[in-house]
Amino acid sequence: MSNNAWPGLQQFHLPFTSPVLVFFTVLLVILLIPILLGRIRVPDIVGFIIAGIIIGPYGLNLLGKNPAIDLFATIGLLYIMFLAGIELNIDRFKKTRHKSLMFGLLTFSIPITIGFPICHYLLGYALLPSILTASMFATHTLVAYPIISKYKVAENEAVGVTVGGTILTDTAVLLILAIIIGAKQGGLTSVFWLRLMISMAVFLAVVFFVVPRIAKWLLGIKGQSKTAQYICMMACMFFSALLAQVAGIEPIVGAFMAALALNRLIPKPSKLFDDIQFVGNAIFIPFFLVSVGMVVNLQVLFHGPAALVVAATLTIVALAGKWLSAFFTQQLYHYSNTQRQLVFGLSSSHAAATLAMILIGYKNGIIDANLLNGTIVLILVTCMVASFVTERAARKLLTAPKEQMVE
């Protein structure tokens, strides 16, 4: 029977384009992956990324580039940063802010210090591509943070220090990206610097002084339903992400800043806090992880030795830089080996910010296809390593819950 005889079968053409079929496919993955891989102790995060590779355009091609997936993946990434911010104990964070600053400095400077000479002298890239790629090594996405939530070890000092350092290093790297693009376009003028400083100042002022007051007023309205409270928080998150984008900063910075600004308005535990966690971990964050897998093209490894050498070099340098950052943090603050693993696990995964930087660099003609493809492989490997290391460290911490807690 032809598709013309049964028009409804046309929606099964690959890749799927029907929003209903696309959504059903991803939901099926989200449902089955924990069941299938849980018995062999493979972290859900790794399973979702692998599933994305299998069903994505470079696998079975069940799903291609799709506006619905892009939308849900974007929400998932913002959700990861928002959850990290609202789960942060502000009082403890204040006590460890100097440690977060130091970790942010280490996890920013060490990967760049290692990465630049390797890209410039070993791989032979020019100045701007080398700076951009070295900066990419410094970024990391809290892909493994849902594992922290799952094992309820967010109160550990090492987690707070890593989360605080994340936003510092990612913000610095994204500012470098803006400067590199400006240099490529010949726009590093006094007007450029003035506009950047003013936009940053306005963004921070609105997020930390205006948004919390509006949210507090809305949450305080008599008879406010739980649904309305949840929508209020989501609206604040997206508004802050939008403000960041307008200011020339990545939206993930806005989402995290919004969470810090609203942290005290969301009691822990509370129904609102539980609702925010549940929706993110059930739908949006898995969507994001599946979308990360969908951009991975393992075939690039077979395009010749150059692609393989670049991919292997980028991956080794990325992991080495983050491990050294975690090691020096451990030595400075006398953390245990388990806590060092926790810091390394949380900070070693490269995903959203890394992908955004490389894609922008590629579109602007700063980097070549080998660097782009090598970065995709780097994303897959580091996300897997981060998930396994974080899972193992979180399990160990359960047997020693008082280990290095802030007094």
Protein backbone atom coordinates (compact mmCIF):
# COMPACT_ATOMS: atom_id res chain seq x y z
CA MET A 1 0.00 0.00 0.00
CA SER A 2 1.48 3.35 -1.03
CA ASN A 3 1.62 6.44 1.13
CA ASN A 4 -0.85 8.07 -1.26
CA ALA A 5 -3.40 5.40 -0.39
CA TRP A 6 -2.81 6.08 3.30
CA PRO A 7 -1.75 9.73 3.68
CA GLY A 8 -1.19 9.37 7.42
CA LEU A 9 1.91 7.24 6.75
CA GLN A 10 3.72 10.24 5.25
CA GLN A 11 4.57 11.52 8.71
CA PHE A 12 6.85 8.49 9.18
CA HIS A 13 9.26 9.69 6.48
CA LEU A 14 12.75 10.20 7.89
CA PRO A 15 13.58 12.37 9.60
CA PHE A 16 10.32 12.78 11.48
CA THR A 17 8.77 16.21 11.07
CA SER A 18 5.44 15.73 12.83
CA PRO A 19 5.63 17.55 16.20
CA VAL A 20 3.56 14.75 17.74
CA LEU A 21 5.90 12.04 16.47
CA VAL A 22 9.03 14.00 17.38
CA PHE A 23 7.80 14.58 20.91
CA PHE A 24 6.71 10.96 21.30
CA THR A 25 10.12 9.69 20.12
CA VAL A 26 12.04 11.79 22.63
CA LEU A 27 9.63 10.90 25.44
CA LEU A 28 10.13 7.22 24.62
CA VAL A 29 13.89 7.71 24.91
CA ILE A 30 13.51 9.54 28.23
CA LEU A 31 11.33 6.70 29.54
CA LEU A 32 13.35 3.72 28.33
CA ILE A 33 16.97 4.81 28.79
CA PRO A 34 16.94 4.75 32.64
CA ILE A 35 15.20 1.35 32.55
CA LEU A 36 17.59 -0.20 30.02
CA LEU A 37 20.85 1.23 31.32
CA GLY A 38 20.06 1.54 35.02
CA ARG A 39 20.77 -2.14 35.65
CA ILE A 40 24.34 -1.81 34.38
CA ARG A 41 24.83 1.46 36.31
CA VAL A 42 25.28 3.67 33.27
CA PRO A 43 24.32 7.25 34.28
CA ASP A 44 21.11 8.49 32.66
CA ILE A 45 23.00 11.47 31.27
CA VAL A 46 25.34 9.25 29.25
CA GLY A 47 22.38 7.19 28.08
CA PHE A 48 20.49 10.24 26.84
CA ILE A 49 23.55 11.50 24.92
CA ILE A 50 24.13 8.07 23.33
CA ALA A 51 20.44 7.86 22.46
CA GLY A 52 20.72 11.26 20.78
CA ILE A 53 23.60 9.96 18.66
CA ILE A 54 21.57 6.89 17.64
CA ILE A 55 18.33 8.64 16.72
CA GLY A 56 19.97 11.83 15.41
CA PRO A 57 20.86 12.85 11.85
CA TYR A 58 24.22 11.02 11.99
CA GLY A 59 22.64 7.81 13.27
CA LEU A 60 19.28 6.38 12.30
CA ASN A 61 18.13 9.86 11.22
CA LEU A 62 14.84 9.51 13.06
CA LEU A 63 15.16 13.13 14.17
CA GLY A 64 16.85 15.98 12.35
CA LYS A 65 17.27 19.66 13.09
CA ASN A 66 13.86 20.58 14.39
CA PRO A 67 12.53 23.84 15.90
CA ALA A 68 10.70 21.88 18.62
CA ILE A 69 13.88 20.10 19.71
CA ASP A 70 15.86 23.34 19.58
CA LEU A 71 13.25 25.01 21.78
CA PHE A 72 13.13 22.27 24.40
CA ALA A 73 16.92 21.89 24.37
CA THR A 74 17.38 25.61 24.98
CA ILE A 75 14.94 25.47 27.88
CA GLY A 76 16.80 22.44 29.24
CA LEU A 77 20.14 24.22 29.21
CA LEU A 78 18.69 27.26 30.94
CA TYR A 79 17.02 24.92 33.43
CA ILE A 80 20.33 23.28 34.34
CA MET A 81 21.85 26.65 35.19
CA PHE A 82 18.69 27.80 36.99
CA LEU A 83 18.54 24.64 39.12
CA ALA A 84 22.21 25.00 40.00
CA GLY A 85 21.52 28.53 41.22
CA ILE A 86 18.37 27.89 43.26
CA GLU A 87 19.83 24.76 44.88
CA LEU A 88 22.85 26.75 45.99
CA ASN A 89 22.86 27.56 49.69
CA ILE A 90 23.48 31.30 49.58
CA ASP A 91 24.73 31.50 53.16
CA ARG A 92 27.24 28.76 52.51
CA PHE A 93 28.10 30.26 49.14
CA LYS A 94 28.99 33.55 50.84
CA LYS A 95 31.36 31.66 53.12
CA THR A 96 33.01 29.96 50.15
CA ARG A 97 32.88 32.80 47.63
CA HIS A 98 36.63 33.30 47.83
CA LYS A 99 37.15 29.61 47.12
CA SER A 100 34.72 29.83 44.18
CA LEU A 101 36.64 32.81 42.86
CA MET A 102 39.93 30.93 43.14
CA PHE A 103 38.49 27.81 41.49
CA GLY A 104 37.02 29.97 38.73
CA LEU A 105 40.46 31.53 38.20
CA LEU A 106 42.16 28.11 38.10
CA THR A 107 39.62 26.43 35.81
CA PHE A 108 39.82 29.45 33.50
CA SER A 109 43.58 30.05 33.38
CA ILE A 110 45.01 26.51 33.45
CA PRO A 111 43.15 25.16 30.38
CA ILE A 112 43.95 28.33 28.42
CA THR A 113 47.61 28.24 29.46
CA ILE A 114 47.90 24.62 28.31
CA GLY A 115 45.63 24.93 25.29
CA PHE A 116 47.02 27.99 23.52
CA PRO A 117 50.59 26.75 22.88
CA ILE A 118 49.29 23.32 21.84
CA CYS A 119 46.85 24.84 19.33
CA HIS A 120 49.29 27.49 18.10
CA TYR A 121 52.57 25.60 17.99
CA LEU A 122 51.68 21.90 17.93
CA LEU A 123 48.59 21.99 15.70
CA GLY A 124 49.83 25.04 13.80
CA TYR A 125 46.77 27.29 13.99
CA ALA A 126 46.92 31.07 13.71
CA LEU A 127 46.56 33.47 16.64
CA LEU A 128 42.78 34.03 16.70
CA PRO A 129 41.80 30.35 16.16
CA SER A 130 44.27 29.34 18.88
CA ILE A 131 42.89 31.89 21.36
CA LEU A 132 39.30 30.88 20.60
CA THR A 133 40.02 27.15 20.94
CA ALA A 134 42.05 27.64 24.12
CA SER A 135 39.19 29.66 25.58
CA MET A 136 36.82 26.86 24.68
CA PHE A 137 38.89 24.52 26.91
CA ALA A 138 38.12 26.80 29.86
CA THR A 139 34.34 26.57 29.50
CA HIS A 140 32.24 23.85 31.01
CA THR A 141 28.54 23.09 31.26
CA LEU A 142 27.00 21.56 34.40
CA VAL A 143 25.72 18.58 32.44
CA ALA A 144 26.33 16.27 35.41
CA TYR A 145 24.54 18.49 37.92
CA PRO A 146 21.31 16.42 37.83
CA ILE A 147 23.37 13.62 39.38
CA ILE A 148 24.09 15.92 42.32
CA SER A 149 20.36 16.53 42.72
CA LYS A 150 19.63 12.81 42.44
CA TYR A 151 22.03 11.88 45.25
CA LYS A 152 21.22 14.99 47.30
CA VAL A 153 24.83 16.03 47.86
CA ALA A 154 24.42 19.67 46.79
CA GLU A 155 25.22 20.80 50.35
CA ASN A 156 28.81 19.60 50.03
CA GLU A 157 31.24 22.50 49.89
CA ALA A 158 32.95 21.18 46.77
CA VAL A 159 29.67 21.44 44.86
CA GLY A 160 29.10 25.04 45.86
CA VAL A 161 32.66 26.00 44.99
CA THR A 162 32.38 24.35 41.56
CA VAL A 163 29.02 25.90 40.74
CA GLY A 164 30.24 29.34 41.77
CA GLY A 165 33.40 28.93 39.73
CA THR A 166 31.40 27.80 36.71
CA ILE A 167 29.57 31.05 36.25
CA LEU A 168 32.78 33.05 36.71
CA THR A 169 34.80 31.17 34.12
CA ASP A 170 31.98 30.85 31.59
CA THR A 171 31.20 34.56 31.83
CA ALA A 172 34.88 35.40 31.30
CA VAL A 173 35.14 33.06 28.32
CA LEU A 174 31.99 34.39 26.69
CA LEU A 175 33.33 37.92 27.07
CA ILE A 176 36.52 36.76 25.33
CA LEU A 177 34.36 35.39 22.52
CA ALA A 178 32.72 38.80 22.08
CA ILE A 179 36.18 40.40 21.97
CA ILE A 180 37.48 37.86 19.42
CA ILE A 181 34.49 38.44 17.13
CA GLY A 182 35.04 42.17 17.52
CA ALA A 183 38.71 41.76 16.58
CA LYS A 184 37.78 39.63 13.55
CA GLN A 185 35.39 42.32 12.38
CA GLY A 186 37.82 45.11 13.22
CA GLY A 187 35.54 46.48 15.89
CA LEU A 188 37.67 46.70 19.06
CA THR A 189 37.09 50.41 19.34
CA SER A 190 36.43 52.56 22.40
CA VAL A 191 32.73 52.46 21.46
CA PHE A 192 32.78 48.65 21.62
CA TRP A 193 34.31 48.62 25.12
CA LEU A 194 31.98 51.33 26.39
CA ARG A 195 28.90 49.55 25.06
CA LEU A 196 30.02 46.25 26.63
CA MET A 197 30.58 47.79 30.08
CA ILE A 198 27.30 49.71 30.06
CA SER A 199 25.26 46.71 28.92
CA MET A 200 26.81 44.51 31.63
CA ALA A 201 26.11 47.07 34.33
CA VAL A 202 22.48 47.54 33.25
CA PHE A 203 21.95 43.77 33.00
CA LEU A 204 23.25 43.11 36.54
CA ALA A 205 21.29 46.01 38.01
CA VAL A 206 17.98 44.85 36.52
CA VAL A 207 18.47 41.17 37.43
CA PHE A 208 19.53 41.75 41.04
CA PHE A 209 17.44 44.78 41.95
CA VAL A 210 14.34 44.81 39.73
CA VAL A 211 13.55 41.15 39.03
CA PRO A 212 13.49 40.00 42.71
CA ARG A 213 11.16 42.82 43.71
CA ILE A 214 8.72 42.04 40.92
CA ALA A 215 8.86 38.32 41.74
CA LYS A 216 8.33 38.95 45.44
CA TRP A 217 5.27 41.11 44.68
CA LEU A 218 3.80 38.50 42.35
CA LEU A 219 4.42 35.63 44.78
CA GLY A 220 2.85 37.65 47.58
CA ILE A 221 -0.48 38.19 45.82
CA LYS A 222 -3.20 36.65 47.97
CA GLY A 223 -4.65 33.44 46.58
CA GLN A 224 -1.74 32.89 44.21
CA SER A 225 -1.88 29.31 42.92
CA LYS A 226 1.13 26.97 42.82
CA THR A 227 0.89 26.96 39.03
CA ALA A 228 1.08 30.76 38.93
CA GLN A 229 4.09 30.72 41.25
CA TYR A 230 5.89 28.27 38.99
CA ILE A 231 5.09 30.35 35.89
CA CYS A 232 6.38 33.43 37.72
CA MET A 233 9.75 31.78 38.31
CA MET A 234 10.00 30.59 34.71
CA ALA A 235 9.10 34.04 33.41
CA CYS A 236 11.85 35.58 35.55
CA MET A 237 14.36 33.02 34.29
CA PHE A 238 13.56 33.66 30.63
CA PHE A 239 13.41 37.42 31.10
CA SER A 240 16.88 37.39 32.66
CA ALA A 241 18.19 35.12 29.90
CA LEU A 242 16.76 37.52 27.33
CA LEU A 243 18.35 40.50 29.08
CA ALA A 244 21.70 38.72 29.00
CA GLN A 245 21.32 38.10 25.27
CA VAL A 246 20.47 41.75 24.66
CA ALA A 247 23.56 42.72 26.69
CA GLY A 248 25.74 40.54 24.45
CA ILE A 249 26.14 37.73 27.01
CA GLU A 250 25.09 34.10 26.70
CA PRO A 251 21.54 33.41 28.03
CA ILE A 252 22.87 30.72 30.40
CA VAL A 253 24.55 33.50 32.41
CA GLY A 254 21.20 35.26 32.71
CA ALA A 255 19.46 32.09 33.89
CA PHE A 256 22.06 31.49 36.59
CA MET A 257 22.04 35.11 37.74
CA ALA A 258 18.24 35.01 37.94
CA ALA A 259 18.46 31.93 40.16
CA LEU A 260 20.89 33.69 42.49
CA ALA A 261 18.65 36.74 42.64
CA LEU A 262 15.53 34.63 43.37
CA ASN A 263 17.23 32.06 45.60
CA ARG A 264 15.82 33.33 48.89
CA LEU A 265 12.29 33.55 47.46
CA ILE A 266 12.22 29.79 46.83
CA PRO A 267 12.26 27.95 50.18
CA LYS A 268 13.99 24.58 50.32
CA PRO A 269 12.12 22.34 50.80
CA SER A 270 8.83 23.66 49.40
CA LYS A 271 6.23 22.69 46.83
CA LEU A 272 7.50 25.37 44.44
CA PHE A 273 11.08 24.10 44.74
CA ASP A 274 9.95 20.51 44.15
CA ASP A 275 7.89 21.53 41.11
CA ILE A 276 10.83 23.36 39.52
CA GLN A 277 13.07 20.33 40.03
CA PHE A 278 10.48 17.83 38.82
CA VAL A 279 9.61 19.55 35.54
CA GLY A 280 13.23 20.19 34.65
CA ASN A 281 14.50 16.69 35.43
CA ALA A 282 11.50 14.98 33.83
CA ILE A 283 11.32 16.82 30.50
CA PHE A 284 13.54 19.74 29.64
CA ILE A 285 16.98 18.60 30.84
CA PRO A 286 16.71 15.16 29.15
CA PHE A 287 15.66 16.97 25.95
CA PHE A 288 18.83 19.04 26.14
CA LEU A 289 21.02 15.97 26.68
CA VAL A 290 19.43 14.14 23.74
CA SER A 291 20.03 17.22 21.58
CA VAL A 292 23.73 17.23 22.56
CA GLY A 293 23.99 13.66 21.26
CA MET A 294 22.25 14.61 18.03
CA VAL A 295 25.06 16.98 16.99
CA VAL A 296 27.73 14.30 17.42
CA ASN A 297 28.96 12.87 14.13
CA LEU A 298 31.27 9.94 14.86
CA GLN A 299 32.00 9.59 11.14
CA VAL A 300 34.36 12.57 11.36
CA LEU A 301 36.92 10.27 12.96
CA PHE A 302 37.24 8.42 9.66
CA HIS A 303 37.81 11.47 7.45
CA GLY A 304 41.57 11.10 7.63
CA PRO A 305 44.36 11.28 10.22
CA ALA A 306 44.16 15.07 10.60
CA ALA A 307 40.61 14.94 11.96
CA LEU A 308 41.53 12.12 14.33
CA VAL A 309 44.67 13.87 15.61
CA VAL A 310 42.84 17.15 16.20
CA ALA A 311 39.92 15.40 17.95
CA ALA A 312 42.22 13.36 20.21
CA THR A 313 44.39 16.38 21.04
CA LEU A 314 41.44 18.62 21.89
CA THR A 315 39.87 15.97 24.10
CA ILE A 316 43.07 15.17 26.02
CA VAL A 317 43.90 18.84 26.58
CA ALA A 318 40.35 19.62 27.72
CA LEU A 319 40.29 16.82 30.29
CA ALA A 320 43.86 17.49 31.46
CA GLY A 321 43.18 21.17 32.04
CA LYS A 322 40.08 20.50 34.13
CA TRP A 323 41.77 17.71 36.09
CA LEU A 324 44.69 19.96 36.98
CA SER A 325 42.27 22.69 38.06
CA ALA A 326 40.48 20.23 40.34
CA PHE A 327 43.80 18.92 41.67
CA PHE A 328 45.14 22.36 42.61
CA THR A 329 41.78 23.23 44.18
CA GLN A 330 42.05 20.07 46.27
CA GLN A 331 45.57 20.99 47.39
CA LEU A 332 44.61 24.56 48.25
CA TYR A 333 41.57 23.69 50.35
CA HIS A 334 42.55 20.24 51.61
CA TYR A 335 39.69 18.44 49.93
CA SER A 336 39.48 14.68 49.88
CA ASN A 337 40.09 12.60 46.76
CA THR A 338 36.34 12.10 46.47
CA GLN A 339 35.75 15.84 46.49
CA ARG A 340 38.46 16.33 43.88
CA GLN A 341 36.62 13.80 41.71
CA LEU A 342 33.40 15.71 42.32
CA VAL A 343 34.96 19.01 41.25
CA PHE A 344 36.53 17.38 38.20
CA GLY A 345 33.31 15.56 37.27
CA LEU A 346 31.15 18.67 37.46
CA SER A 347 33.62 20.90 35.63
CA SER A 348 34.94 18.56 32.92
CA SER A 349 31.89 18.36 30.66
CA HIS A 350 31.91 20.62 27.61
CA ALA A 351 28.54 21.14 25.96
CA ALA A 352 26.45 24.24 25.39
CA ALA A 353 28.89 27.12 25.86
CA THR A 354 31.62 25.16 24.07
CA LEU A 355 29.37 24.31 21.16
CA ALA A 356 28.13 27.89 20.92
CA MET A 357 31.67 29.26 20.84
CA ILE A 358 32.90 26.86 18.19
CA LEU A 359 29.84 27.28 15.96
CA ILE A 360 30.13 31.06 16.15
CA GLY A 361 33.86 30.81 15.38
CA TYR A 362 33.19 28.49 12.44
CA LYS A 363 30.46 30.71 10.99
CA ASN A 364 32.76 33.73 11.26
CA GLY A 365 35.58 31.89 9.47
CA ILE A 366 37.87 31.82 12.51
CA ILE A 367 38.20 28.03 12.84
CA ASP A 368 38.19 25.23 10.26
CA ALA A 369 36.14 22.04 9.89
CA ASN A 370 38.72 19.89 11.72
CA LEU A 371 38.43 22.03 14.86
CA LEU A 372 34.65 22.00 14.60
CA ASN A 373 34.44 18.21 14.21
CA GLY A 374 37.08 17.65 16.88
CA THR A 375 35.07 19.75 19.29
CA ILE A 376 31.96 17.63 18.67
CA VAL A 377 33.93 14.51 19.62
CA LEU A 378 35.29 16.37 22.65
CA ILE A 379 31.73 17.15 23.76
CA LEU A 380 30.71 13.50 23.62
CA VAL A 381 33.78 12.18 25.46
CA THR A 382 33.84 14.84 28.18
CA CYS A 383 30.12 14.51 28.89
CA MET A 384 30.56 10.76 29.35
CA VAL A 385 33.64 11.15 31.55
CA ALA A 386 31.94 13.84 33.63
CA SER A 387 28.84 11.71 34.17
CA PHE A 388 30.73 8.60 35.26
CA VAL A 389 33.12 10.49 37.54
CA THR A 390 30.36 12.56 39.17
CA GLU A 391 28.14 9.52 39.69
CA ARG A 392 30.96 7.62 41.36
CA ALA A 393 31.96 10.55 43.58
CA ALA A 394 28.36 11.29 44.61
CA ARG A 395 27.86 7.67 45.67
CA LYS A 396 31.00 7.79 47.78
CA LEU A 397 29.86 11.00 49.46
CA LEU A 398 26.67 9.28 50.59
CA THR A 399 28.79 7.11 52.87
CA ALA A 400 30.51 10.20 54.31
CA PRO A 401 27.84 12.96 54.18
CA LYS A 402 29.68 15.27 56.59
CA GLU A 403 32.83 15.31 54.51
CA GLN A 404 34.04 18.89 54.09
CA MET A 405 30.77 20.59 54.82
CA VAL A 406 30.87 24.29 55.62
CA GLU A 407 30.69 24.90 59.34
